[in-house]
PDB file of all heavy atoms in Angstrom:
ATOM      1  N   LEU A   1      17.652   3.248 -15.321  1.00  0.00           N
ATOM      2  CA  LEU A   1      16.609   2.239 -15.441  1.00  0.00           C
ATOM      3  C   LEU A   1      16.328   1.575 -14.092  1.00  0.00           C
ATOM      4  O   LEU A   1      15.171   1.288 -13.741  1.00  0.00           O
ATOM      5  CB  LEU A   1      17.031   1.186 -16.473  1.00  0.00           C
ATOM      6  CG  LEU A   1      17.077   1.671 -17.937  1.00  0.00           C
ATOM      7  CD1 LEU A   1      17.635   0.572 -18.832  1.00  0.00           C
ATOM      8  CD2 LEU A   1      15.697   2.108 -18.402  1.00  0.00           C
ATOM      9  N   HIS A   2      17.396   1.353 -13.335  1.00  0.00           N
ATOM     10  CA  HIS A   2      17.215   0.760 -12.008  1.00  0.00           C
ATOM     11  C   HIS A   2      16.414   1.694 -11.090  1.00  0.00           C
ATOM     12  O   HIS A   2      15.491   1.266 -10.378  1.00  0.00           O
ATOM     13  CB  HIS A   2      18.575   0.437 -11.398  1.00  0.00           C
ATOM     14  CG  HIS A   2      18.479  -0.082  -9.985  1.00  0.00           C
ATOM     15  ND1 HIS A   2      18.028  -1.347  -9.697  1.00  0.00           N
ATOM     16  CD2 HIS A   2      18.785   0.519  -8.799  1.00  0.00           C
ATOM     17  CE1 HIS A   2      18.047  -1.510  -8.381  1.00  0.00           C
ATOM     18  NE2 HIS A   2      18.506  -0.405  -7.825  1.00  0.00           N
ATOM     19  N   ARG A   3      16.791   2.988 -11.144  1.00  0.00           N
ATOM     20  CA  ARG A   3      16.072   3.965 -10.307  1.00  0.00           C
ATOM     21  C   ARG A   3      14.618   4.093 -10.745  1.00  0.00           C
ATOM     22  O   ARG A   3      13.710   4.195  -9.908  1.00  0.00           O
ATOM     23  CB  ARG A   3      16.780   5.321 -10.393  1.00  0.00           C
ATOM     24  CG  ARG A   3      16.099   6.442  -9.591  1.00  0.00           C
ATOM     25  CD  ARG A   3      15.981   6.077  -8.126  1.00  0.00           C
ATOM     26  NE  ARG A   3      17.264   5.834  -7.511  1.00  0.00           N
ATOM     27  CZ  ARG A   3      17.997   6.793  -6.938  1.00  0.00           C
ATOM     28  NH1 ARG A   3      17.574   8.034  -6.923  1.00  0.00           N
ATOM     29  NH2 ARG A   3      19.156   6.480  -6.388  1.00  0.00           N
ATOM     30  N   LEU A   4      14.378   4.074 -12.064  1.00  0.00           N
ATOM     31  CA  LEU A   4      13.013   4.191 -12.567  1.00  0.00           C
ATOM     32  C   LEU A   4      12.173   3.002 -12.100  1.00  0.00           C
ATOM     33  O   LEU A   4      11.009   3.158 -11.694  1.00  0.00           O
ATOM     34  CB  LEU A   4      13.030   4.263 -14.102  1.00  0.00           C
ATOM     35  CG  LEU A   4      11.680   4.585 -14.777  1.00  0.00           C
ATOM     36  CD1 LEU A   4      11.168   5.946 -14.330  1.00  0.00           C
ATOM     37  CD2 LEU A   4      11.839   4.554 -16.291  1.00  0.00           C
ATOM     38  N   ALA A   5      12.782   1.823 -12.169  1.00  0.00           N
ATOM     39  CA  ALA A   5      12.056   0.637 -11.708  1.00  0.00           C
ATOM     40  C   ALA A   5      11.779   0.714 -10.212  1.00  0.00           C
ATOM     41  O   ALA A   5      10.697   0.324  -9.741  1.00  0.00           O
ATOM     42  CB  ALA A   5      12.858  -0.617 -12.044  1.00  0.00           C
ATOM     43  N   SER A   6      12.745   1.236  -9.446  1.00  0.00           N
ATOM     44  CA  SER A   6      12.550   1.359  -7.998  1.00  0.00           C
ATOM     45  C   SER A   6      11.436   2.336  -7.675  1.00  0.00           C
ATOM     46  O   SER A   6      10.595   2.087  -6.803  1.00  0.00           O
ATOM     47  CB  SER A   6      13.852   1.817  -7.326  1.00  0.00           C
ATOM     48  OG  SER A   6      14.882   0.874  -7.566  1.00  0.00           O
ATOM     49  N   ILE A   7      11.438   3.469  -8.434  1.00  0.00           N
ATOM     50  CA  ILE A   7      10.390   4.469  -8.203  1.00  0.00           C
ATOM     51  C   ILE A   7       9.028   3.892  -8.547  1.00  0.00           C
ATOM     52  O   ILE A   7       8.044   4.072  -7.821  1.00  0.00           O
ATOM     53  CB  ILE A   7      10.672   5.742  -9.017  1.00  0.00           C
ATOM     54  CG1 ILE A   7      11.924   6.444  -8.468  1.00  0.00           C
ATOM     55  CG2 ILE A   7       9.475   6.680  -8.976  1.00  0.00           C
ATOM     56  CD1 ILE A   7      12.351   7.645  -9.289  1.00  0.00           C
ATOM     57  N   ALA A   8       8.955   3.173  -9.675  1.00  0.00           N
ATOM     58  CA  ALA A   8       7.677   2.584 -10.078  1.00  0.00           C
ATOM     59  C   ALA A   8       7.201   1.572  -9.041  1.00  0.00           C
ATOM     60  O   ALA A   8       6.015   1.525  -8.694  1.00  0.00           O
ATOM     61  CB  ALA A   8       7.819   1.921 -11.446  1.00  0.00           C
ATOM     62  N   ALA A   9       8.143   0.765  -8.546  1.00  0.00           N
ATOM     63  CA  ALA A   9       7.756  -0.217  -7.529  1.00  0.00           C
ATOM     64  C   ALA A   9       7.302   0.471  -6.252  1.00  0.00           C
ATOM     65  O   ALA A   9       6.316   0.061  -5.625  1.00  0.00           O
ATOM     66  CB  ALA A   9       8.931  -1.148  -7.242  1.00  0.00           C
ATOM     67  N   ALA A  10       8.020   1.538  -5.866  1.00  0.00           N
ATOM     68  CA  ALA A  10       7.636   2.261  -4.648  1.00  0.00           C
ATOM     69  C   ALA A  10       6.272   2.910  -4.805  1.00  0.00           C
ATOM     70  O   ALA A  10       5.437   2.887  -3.893  1.00  0.00           O
ATOM     71  CB  ALA A  10       8.691   3.315  -4.315  1.00  0.00           C
ATOM     72  N   LEU A  11       6.031   3.500  -5.999  1.00  0.00           N
ATOM     73  CA  LEU A  11       4.723   4.116  -6.243  1.00  0.00           C
ATOM     74  C   LEU A  11       3.623   3.072  -6.219  1.00  0.00           C
ATOM     75  O   LEU A  11       2.538   3.304  -5.671  1.00  0.00           O
ATOM     76  CB  LEU A  11       4.733   4.861  -7.576  1.00  0.00           C
ATOM     77  CG  LEU A  11       5.555   6.151  -7.621  1.00  0.00           C
ATOM     78  CD1 LEU A  11       5.565   6.732  -9.034  1.00  0.00           C
ATOM     79  CD2 LEU A  11       4.994   7.179  -6.645  1.00  0.00           C
ATOM     80  N   GLY A  12       3.889   1.915  -6.829  1.00  0.00           N
ATOM     81  CA  GLY A  12       2.882   0.863  -6.821  1.00  0.00           C
ATOM     82  C   GLY A  12       2.590   0.361  -5.419  1.00  0.00           C
ATOM     83  O   GLY A  12       1.435   0.175  -5.036  1.00  0.00           O
ATOM     84  N   LEU A  13       3.667   0.159  -4.637  1.00  0.00           N
ATOM     85  CA  LEU A  13       3.484  -0.284  -3.261  1.00  0.00           C
ATOM     86  C   LEU A  13       2.742   0.769  -2.445  1.00  0.00           C
ATOM     87  O   LEU A  13       1.831   0.462  -1.675  1.00  0.00           O
ATOM     88  CB  LEU A  13       4.839  -0.596  -2.633  1.00  0.00           C
ATOM     89  CG  LEU A  13       4.815  -1.033  -1.149  1.00  0.00           C
ATOM     90  CD1 LEU A  13       3.996  -2.317  -0.991  1.00  0.00           C
ATOM     91  CD2 LEU A  13       6.228  -1.216  -0.630  1.00  0.00           C
ATOM     92  N   GLY A  14       3.141   2.049  -2.641  1.00  0.00           N
ATOM     93  CA  GLY A  14       2.477   3.120  -1.897  1.00  0.00           C
ATOM     94  C   GLY A  14       1.005   3.223  -2.242  1.00  0.00           C
ATOM     95  O   GLY A  14       0.156   3.393  -1.362  1.00  0.00           O
ATOM     96  N   ALA A  15       0.693   3.125  -3.552  1.00  0.00           N
ATOM     97  CA  ALA A  15      -0.716   3.196  -3.948  1.00  0.00           C
ATOM     98  C   ALA A  15      -1.503   2.020  -3.383  1.00  0.00           C
ATOM     99  O   ALA A  15      -2.643   2.174  -2.938  1.00  0.00           O
ATOM    100  CB  ALA A  15      -0.812   3.208  -5.480  1.00  0.00           C
ATOM    101  N   GLY A  16      -0.871   0.828  -3.398  1.00  0.00           N
ATOM    102  CA  GLY A  16      -1.561  -0.328  -2.838  1.00  0.00           C
ATOM    103  C   GLY A  16      -1.836  -0.168  -1.351  1.00  0.00           C
ATOM    104  O   GLY A  16      -2.939  -0.429  -0.869  1.00  0.00           O
ATOM    105  N   LEU A  17      -0.817   0.284  -0.620  1.00  0.00           N
ATOM    106  CA  LEU A  17      -1.017   0.512   0.815  1.00  0.00           C
ATOM    107  C   LEU A  17      -2.044   1.604   1.066  1.00  0.00           C
ATOM    108  O   LEU A  17      -2.855   1.526   1.999  1.00  0.00           O
ATOM    109  CB  LEU A  17       0.322   0.885   1.473  1.00  0.00           C
ATOM    110  CG  LEU A  17       1.368  -0.232   1.524  1.00  0.00           C
ATOM    111  CD1 LEU A  17       2.670   0.299   2.102  1.00  0.00           C
ATOM    112  CD2 LEU A  17       0.858  -1.411   2.339  1.00  0.00           C
ATOM    113  N   TRP A  18      -2.017   2.637   0.218  1.00  0.00           N
ATOM    114  CA  TRP A  18      -2.950   3.764   0.354  1.00  0.00           C
ATOM    115  C   TRP A  18      -4.396   3.271   0.246  1.00  0.00           C
ATOM    116  O   TRP A  18      -5.290   3.739   0.948  1.00  0.00           O
ATOM    117  CB  TRP A  18      -2.653   4.785  -0.745  1.00  0.00           C
ATOM    118  CG  TRP A  18      -3.418   6.060  -0.605  1.00  0.00           C
ATOM    119  CD1 TRP A  18      -4.639   6.348  -1.102  1.00  0.00           C
ATOM    120  CD2 TRP A  18      -2.988   7.225   0.096  1.00  0.00           C
ATOM    121  NE1 TRP A  18      -5.008   7.616  -0.754  1.00  0.00           N
ATOM    122  CE2 TRP A  18      -4.009   8.182  -0.020  1.00  0.00           C
ATOM    123  CE3 TRP A  18      -1.833   7.555   0.806  1.00  0.00           C
ATOM    124  CZ2 TRP A  18      -3.914   9.447   0.542  1.00  0.00           C
ATOM    125  CZ3 TRP A  18      -1.741   8.810   1.368  1.00  0.00           C
ATOM    126  CH2 TRP A  18      -2.766   9.741   1.225  1.00  0.00           C
ATOM    127  N   LEU A  19      -4.619   2.308  -0.655  1.00  0.00           N
ATOM    128  CA  LEU A  19      -5.973   1.805  -0.867  1.00  0.00           C
ATOM    129  C   LEU A  19      -6.358   0.744   0.157  1.00  0.00           C
ATOM    130  O   LEU A  19      -7.527   0.623   0.520  1.00  0.00           O
ATOM    131  CB  LEU A  19      -6.090   1.217  -2.286  1.00  0.00           C
ATOM    132  CG  LEU A  19      -5.962   2.217  -3.437  1.00  0.00           C
ATOM    133  CD1 LEU A  19      -5.934   1.485  -4.767  1.00  0.00           C
ATOM    134  CD2 LEU A  19      -7.118   3.217  -3.420  1.00  0.00           C
ATOM    135  N   VAL A  20      -5.366  -0.032   0.620  1.00  0.00           N
ATOM    136  CA  VAL A  20      -5.685  -1.198   1.433  1.00  0.00           C
ATOM    137  C   VAL A  20      -5.705  -0.890   2.921  1.00  0.00           C
ATOM    138  O   VAL A  20      -6.574  -1.365   3.660  1.00  0.00           O
ATOM    139  CB  VAL A  20      -4.679  -2.339   1.139  1.00  0.00           C
ATOM    140  CG1 VAL A  20      -4.836  -3.470   2.139  1.00  0.00           C
ATOM    141  CG2 VAL A  20      -4.880  -2.842  -0.273  1.00  0.00           C
ATOM    142  N   ILE A  21      -4.737  -0.071   3.405  1.00  0.00           N
ATOM    143  CA  ILE A  21      -4.544   0.087   4.851  1.00  0.00           C
ATOM    144  C   ILE A  21      -5.796   0.570   5.570  1.00  0.00           C
ATOM    145  O   ILE A  21      -6.181  -0.006   6.595  1.00  0.00           O
ATOM    146  CB  ILE A  21      -3.338   1.013   5.136  1.00  0.00           C
ATOM    147  CG1 ILE A  21      -2.046   0.228   4.911  1.00  0.00           C
ATOM    148  CG2 ILE A  21      -3.377   1.525   6.570  1.00  0.00           C
ATOM    149  CD1 ILE A  21      -0.802   1.038   5.167  1.00  0.00           C
ATOM    150  N   PRO A  22      -6.481   1.663   5.103  1.00  0.00           N
ATOM    151  CA  PRO A  22      -7.655   2.110   5.877  1.00  0.00           C
ATOM    152  C   PRO A  22      -8.714   1.033   6.028  1.00  0.00           C
ATOM    153  O   PRO A  22      -9.228   0.798   7.114  1.00  0.00           O
ATOM    154  CB  PRO A  22      -8.165   3.310   5.064  1.00  0.00           C
ATOM    155  CG  PRO A  22      -6.975   3.788   4.298  1.00  0.00           C
ATOM    156  CD  PRO A  22      -6.203   2.554   3.961  1.00  0.00           C
ATOM    157  N   GLY A  23      -9.045   0.358   4.912  1.00  0.00           N
ATOM    158  CA  GLY A  23     -10.054  -0.691   5.006  1.00  0.00           C
ATOM    159  C   GLY A  23      -9.589  -1.852   5.862  1.00  0.00           C
ATOM    160  O   GLY A  23     -10.358  -2.410   6.654  1.00  0.00           O
ATOM    161  N   LEU A  24      -8.306  -2.239   5.713  1.00  0.00           N
ATOM    162  CA  LEU A  24      -7.767  -3.330   6.527  1.00  0.00           C
ATOM    163  C   LEU A  24      -7.760  -2.965   8.004  1.00  0.00           C
ATOM    164  O   LEU A  24      -8.091  -3.793   8.861  1.00  0.00           O
ATOM    165  CB  LEU A  24      -6.350  -3.665   6.049  1.00  0.00           C
ATOM    166  CG  LEU A  24      -5.629  -4.792   6.809  1.00  0.00           C
ATOM    167  CD1 LEU A  24      -6.401  -6.099   6.667  1.00  0.00           C
ATOM    168  CD2 LEU A  24      -4.203  -4.934   6.307  1.00  0.00           C
ATOM    169  N   ALA A  25      -7.384  -1.715   8.293  1.00  0.00           N
ATOM    170  CA  ALA A  25      -7.370  -1.284   9.702  1.00  0.00           C
ATOM    171  C   ALA A  25      -8.768  -1.334  10.297  1.00  0.00           C
ATOM    172  O   ALA A  25      -8.956  -1.797  11.431  1.00  0.00           O
ATOM    173  CB  ALA A  25      -6.796   0.139   9.801  1.00  0.00           C
ATOM    174  N   ARG A  26      -9.765  -0.871   9.528  1.00  0.00           N
ATOM    175  CA  ARG A  26     -11.134  -0.924  10.040  1.00  0.00           C
ATOM    176  C   ARG A  26     -11.582  -2.366  10.255  1.00  0.00           C
ATOM    177  O   ARG A  26     -12.224  -2.693  11.250  1.00  0.00           O
ATOM    178  CB  ARG A  26     -12.078  -0.214   9.065  1.00  0.00           C
ATOM    179  CG  ARG A  26     -12.019   1.300   9.126  1.00  0.00           C
ATOM    180  CD  ARG A  26     -13.199   1.917   8.405  1.00  0.00           C
ATOM    181  NE  ARG A  26     -13.190   1.595   6.988  1.00  0.00           N
ATOM    182  CZ  ARG A  26     -12.588   2.356   6.057  1.00  0.00           C
ATOM    183  NH1 ARG A  26     -11.952   3.450   6.419  1.00  0.00           N
ATOM    184  NH2 ARG A  26     -12.620   2.013   4.793  1.00  0.00           N
ATOM    185  N   HIS A  27     -11.226  -3.244   9.296  1.00  0.00           N
ATOM    186  CA  HIS A  27     -11.627  -4.646   9.418  1.00  0.00           C
ATOM    187  C   HIS A  27     -10.979  -5.300  10.646  1.00  0.00           C
ATOM    188  O   HIS A  27     -11.652  -5.992  11.427  1.00  0.00           O
ATOM    189  CB  HIS A  27     -11.226  -5.396   8.143  1.00  0.00           C
ATOM    190  CG  HIS A  27     -11.461  -6.879   8.220  1.00  0.00           C
ATOM    191  ND1 HIS A  27     -12.733  -7.425   8.130  1.00  0.00           N
ATOM    192  CD2 HIS A  27     -10.595  -7.923   8.387  1.00  0.00           C
ATOM    193  CE1 HIS A  27     -12.635  -8.747   8.248  1.00  0.00           C
ATOM    194  NE2 HIS A  27     -11.363  -9.070   8.397  1.00  0.00           N
ATOM    195  N   LEU A  28      -9.661  -5.085  10.827  1.00  0.00           N
ATOM    196  CA  LEU A  28      -8.975  -5.685  11.972  1.00  0.00           C
ATOM    197  C   LEU A  28      -9.509  -5.131  13.289  1.00  0.00           C
ATOM    198  O   LEU A  28      -9.666  -5.886  14.263  1.00  0.00           O
ATOM    199  CB  LEU A  28      -7.464  -5.422  11.864  1.00  0.00           C
ATOM    200  CG  LEU A  28      -6.748  -6.139  10.713  1.00  0.00           C
ATOM    201  CD1 LEU A  28      -5.289  -5.720  10.678  1.00  0.00           C
ATOM    202  CD2 LEU A  28      -6.872  -7.651  10.851  1.00  0.00           C
ATOM    203  N   ARG A  29      -9.789  -3.832  13.301  1.00  0.00           N
ATOM    204  CA  ARG A  29     -10.320  -3.242  14.528  1.00  0.00           C
ATOM    205  C   ARG A  29     -11.695  -3.822  14.857  1.00  0.00           C
ATOM    206  O   ARG A  29     -11.994  -4.126  16.021  1.00  0.00           O
ATOM    207  CB  ARG A  29     -10.415  -1.717  14.377  1.00  0.00           C
ATOM    208  CG  ARG A  29     -10.900  -1.010  15.632  1.00  0.00           C
ATOM    209  CD  ARG A  29     -10.785   0.489  15.496  1.00  0.00           C
ATOM    210  NE  ARG A  29     -11.525   0.973  14.341  1.00  0.00           N
ATOM    211  CZ  ARG A  29     -11.510   2.226  13.935  1.00  0.00           C
ATOM    212  NH1 ARG A  29     -10.772   3.118  14.572  1.00  0.00           N
ATOM    213  NH2 ARG A  29     -12.211   2.610  12.898  1.00  0.00           N
ATOM    214  N   THR A  30     -12.542  -4.003  13.832  1.00  0.00           N
ATOM    215  CA  THR A  30     -13.862  -4.580  14.052  1.00  0.00           C
ATOM    216  C   THR A  30     -13.766  -6.011  14.552  1.00  0.00           C
ATOM    217  O   THR A  30     -14.464  -6.425  15.491  1.00  0.00           O
ATOM    218  CB  THR A  30     -14.677  -4.529  12.746  1.00  0.00           C
ATOM    219  OG1 THR A  30     -14.795  -3.161  12.317  1.00  0.00           O
ATOM    220  CG2 THR A  30     -16.069  -5.109  12.958  1.00  0.00           C
ATOM    221  N   GLN A  31     -12.862  -6.835  13.919  1.00  0.00           N
ATOM    222  CA  GLN A  31     -12.697  -8.221  14.345  1.00  0.00           C
ATOM    223  C   GLN A  31     -12.157  -8.294  15.774  1.00  0.00           C
ATOM    224  O   GLN A  31     -12.592  -9.132  16.566  1.00  0.00           O
ATOM    225  CB  GLN A  31     -11.738  -8.941  13.376  1.00  0.00           C
ATOM    226  CG  GLN A  31     -12.283  -9.099  11.970  1.00  0.00           C
ATOM    227  CD  GLN A  31     -13.539  -9.933  11.939  1.00  0.00           C
ATOM    228  OE1 GLN A  31     -13.642 -10.940  12.627  1.00  0.00           O
ATOM    229  NE2 GLN A  31     -14.518  -9.506  11.152  1.00  0.00           N
ATOM    230  N   TRP A  32     -11.208  -7.425  16.091  1.00  0.00           N
ATOM    231  CA  TRP A  32     -10.632  -7.409  17.441  1.00  0.00           C
ATOM    232  C   TRP A  32     -11.691  -7.063  18.474  1.00  0.00           C
ATOM    233  O   TRP A  32     -11.798  -7.700  19.530  1.00  0.00           O
ATOM    234  CB  TRP A  32      -9.490  -6.411  17.477  1.00  0.00           C
ATOM    235  CG  TRP A  32      -8.942  -6.175  18.850  1.00  0.00           C
ATOM    236  CD1 TRP A  32      -8.186  -7.012  19.602  1.00  0.00           C
ATOM    237  CD2 TRP A  32      -9.142  -5.002  19.654  1.00  0.00           C
ATOM    238  NE1 TRP A  32      -7.886  -6.446  20.809  1.00  0.00           N
ATOM    239  CE2 TRP A  32      -8.452  -5.210  20.870  1.00  0.00           C
ATOM    240  CE3 TRP A  32      -9.811  -3.800  19.452  1.00  0.00           C
ATOM    241  CZ2 TRP A  32      -8.444  -4.271  21.873  1.00  0.00           C
ATOM    242  CZ3 TRP A  32      -9.796  -2.847  20.453  1.00  0.00           C
ATOM    243  CH2 TRP A  32      -9.114  -3.100  21.652  1.00  0.00           C
TER     244      TRP A  32
END
């Protein structure tokens, strides 16, 4: 159960970063 929760959290974090990082990088680069 601990491993399953860790995997789910890692997948959620990875999916969030996958969706956020490109747009955030473009935004920060534009602001800079």
